Amino acid sequence: MRRPKPQLIRNKLDLTDRAQVRLVKKRLGLSDAELIAIVGRIGNSIPALSKEAALQKANAPSKPADVEPITATAPTS
């Protein structure tokens, strides 16, 4: 008998599905450790994950630009 595949919950992340985890990591720009930490903290809801990832990126300290230091010179008068 042909049985339909069970419908997956579309707004929940299944950590056992490698393809889904890879896609979510790529879309949110997270590493394995960051994703696991967020899921452990707030759960597996994809909208909550994306919101938390956006908050982390907004709160992350920005890297200083590669600017050469200004050398102080004495005025010549």
C-alpha atoms as a PDB file:
ATOM      1  CA  MET A   1       0.000   0.000   0.000  1.00  0.00           C
ATOM      2  CA  ARG A   2       1.136   3.478  -0.717  1.00  0.00           C
ATOM      3  CA  ARG A   3       1.142   5.642   2.318  1.00  0.00           C
ATOM      4  CA  PRO A   4       1.831   9.342   2.236  1.00  0.00           C
ATOM      5  CA  LYS A   5       4.935  10.623   3.957  1.00  0.00           C
ATOM      6  CA  PRO A   6       4.212  12.153   7.331  1.00  0.00           C
ATOM      7  CA  GLN A   7       3.969  15.928   7.105  1.00  0.00           C
ATOM      8  CA  LEU A   8       6.820  17.593   8.933  1.00  0.00           C
ATOM      9  CA  ILE A   9       6.272  20.592  11.103  1.00  0.00           C
ATOM     10  CA  ARG A  10       7.547  23.430   8.944  1.00  0.00           C
ATOM     11  CA  ASN A  11       8.459  25.892  11.669  1.00  0.00           C
ATOM     12  CA  LYS A  12      10.474  23.494  13.842  1.00  0.00           C
ATOM     13  CA  LEU A  13      14.104  22.530  13.312  1.00  0.00           C
ATOM     14  CA  ASP A  14      14.783  18.805  13.326  1.00  0.00           C
ATOM     15  CA  LEU A  15      18.370  18.441  14.552  1.00  0.00           C
ATOM     16  CA  THR A  16      18.512  14.858  13.275  1.00  0.00           C
ATOM     17  CA  ASP A  17      17.963  16.019   9.665  1.00  0.00           C
ATOM     18  CA  ARG A  18      21.441  16.980   8.429  1.00  0.00           C
ATOM     19  CA  ALA A  19      20.171  18.774   5.329  1.00  0.00           C
ATOM     20  CA  GLN A  20      17.768  20.934   7.321  1.00  0.00           C
ATOM     21  CA  VAL A  21      20.435  21.811   9.887  1.00  0.00           C
ATOM     22  CA  ARG A  22      22.930  22.703   7.139  1.00  0.00           C
ATOM     23  CA  LEU A  23      20.361  24.913   5.405  1.00  0.00           C
ATOM     24  CA  VAL A  24      19.400  26.768   8.592  1.00  0.00           C
ATOM     25  CA  LYS A  25      23.064  27.285   9.542  1.00  0.00           C
ATOM     26  CA  LYS A  26      23.828  28.703   6.111  1.00  0.00           C
ATOM     27  CA  ARG A  27      20.765  30.953   6.052  1.00  0.00           C
ATOM     28  CA  LEU A  28      21.395  32.344   9.531  1.00  0.00           C
ATOM     29  CA  GLY A  29      25.190  32.446   9.224  1.00  0.00           C
ATOM     30  CA  LEU A  30      25.806  30.334  12.342  1.00  0.00           C
ATOM     31  CA  SER A  31      28.355  27.696  13.223  1.00  0.00           C
ATOM     32  CA  ASP A  32      27.514  24.273  14.644  1.00  0.00           C
ATOM     33  CA  ALA A  33      28.294  25.360  18.191  1.00  0.00           C
ATOM     34  CA  GLU A  34      26.309  28.595  17.909  1.00  0.00           C
ATOM     35  CA  LEU A  35      23.259  26.793  16.528  1.00  0.00           C
ATOM     36  CA  ILE A  36      23.344  24.112  19.225  1.00  0.00           C
ATOM     37  CA  ALA A  37      23.745  26.756  21.940  1.00  0.00           C
ATOM     38  CA  ILE A  38      20.752  28.741  20.657  1.00  0.00           C
ATOM     39  CA  VAL A  39      18.586  25.617  20.313  1.00  0.00           C
ATOM     40  CA  GLY A  40      19.538  24.578  23.838  1.00  0.00           C
ATOM     41  CA  ARG A  41      18.616  28.009  25.165  1.00  0.00           C
ATOM     42  CA  ILE A  42      15.387  28.862  23.331  1.00  0.00           C
ATOM     43  CA  GLY A  43      14.177  25.703  21.575  1.00  0.00           C
ATOM     44  CA  ASN A  44      13.850  24.502  18.003  1.00  0.00           C
ATOM     45  CA  SER A  45      11.426  27.068  16.591  1.00  0.00           C
ATOM     46  CA  ILE A  46      12.916  28.423  13.362  1.00  0.00           C
ATOM     47  CA  PRO A  47      11.427  31.944  13.756  1.00  0.00           C
ATOM     48  CA  ALA A  48      12.838  32.130  17.288  1.00  0.00           C
ATOM     49  CA  LEU A  49      16.217  30.907  16.022  1.00  0.00           C
ATOM     50  CA  SER A  50      16.346  33.568  13.321  1.00  0.00           C
ATOM     51  CA  LYS A  51      15.341  36.278  15.794  1.00  0.00           C
ATOM     52  CA  GLU A  52      18.022  35.189  18.266  1.00  0.00           C
ATOM     53  CA  ALA A  53      20.663  34.999  15.513  1.00  0.00           C
ATOM     54  CA  ALA A  54      19.783  38.537  14.436  1.00  0.00           C
ATOM     55  CA  LEU A  55      20.074  39.742  18.041  1.00  0.00           C
ATOM     56  CA  GLN A  56      23.460  38.072  18.415  1.00  0.00           C
ATOM     57  CA  LYS A  57      24.752  39.703  15.252  1.00  0.00           C
ATOM     58  CA  ALA A  58      23.445  43.111  16.361  1.00  0.00           C
ATOM     59  CA  ASN A  59      25.056  42.792  19.803  1.00  0.00           C
ATOM     60  CA  ALA A  60      28.358  41.415  18.537  1.00  0.00           C
ATOM     61  CA  PRO A  61      31.200  43.888  18.811  1.00  0.00           C
ATOM     62  CA  SER A  62      32.134  45.121  15.392  1.00  0.00           C
ATOM     63  CA  LYS A  63      35.674  44.612  14.200  1.00  0.00           C
ATOM     64  CA  PRO A  64      37.701  47.809  14.098  1.00  0.00           C
ATOM     65  CA  ALA A  65      38.567  48.991  10.642  1.00  0.00           C
ATOM     66  CA  ASP A  66      42.140  48.675   9.489  1.00  0.00           C
ATOM     67  CA  VAL A  67      43.105  52.281  10.020  1.00  0.00           C
ATOM     68  CA  GLU A  68      46.657  53.455  10.289  1.00  0.00           C
ATOM     69  CA  PRO A  69      47.424  55.347  13.479  1.00  0.00           C
ATOM     70  CA  ILE A  70      47.796  59.087  13.157  1.00  0.00           C
ATOM     71  CA  THR A  71      51.262  60.340  14.014  1.00  0.00           C
ATOM     72  CA  ALA A  72      51.284  63.478  16.066  1.00  0.00           C
ATOM     73  CA  THR A  73      53.558  66.177  14.729  1.00  0.00           C
ATOM     74  CA  ALA A  74      54.592  69.330  16.490  1.00  0.00           C
ATOM     75  CA  PRO A  75      53.383  72.536  14.866  1.00  0.00           C
ATOM     76  CA  THR A  76      56.129  74.359  12.983  1.00  0.00           C
ATOM     77  CA  SER A  77      55.767  78.047  13.571  1.00  0.00           C
END
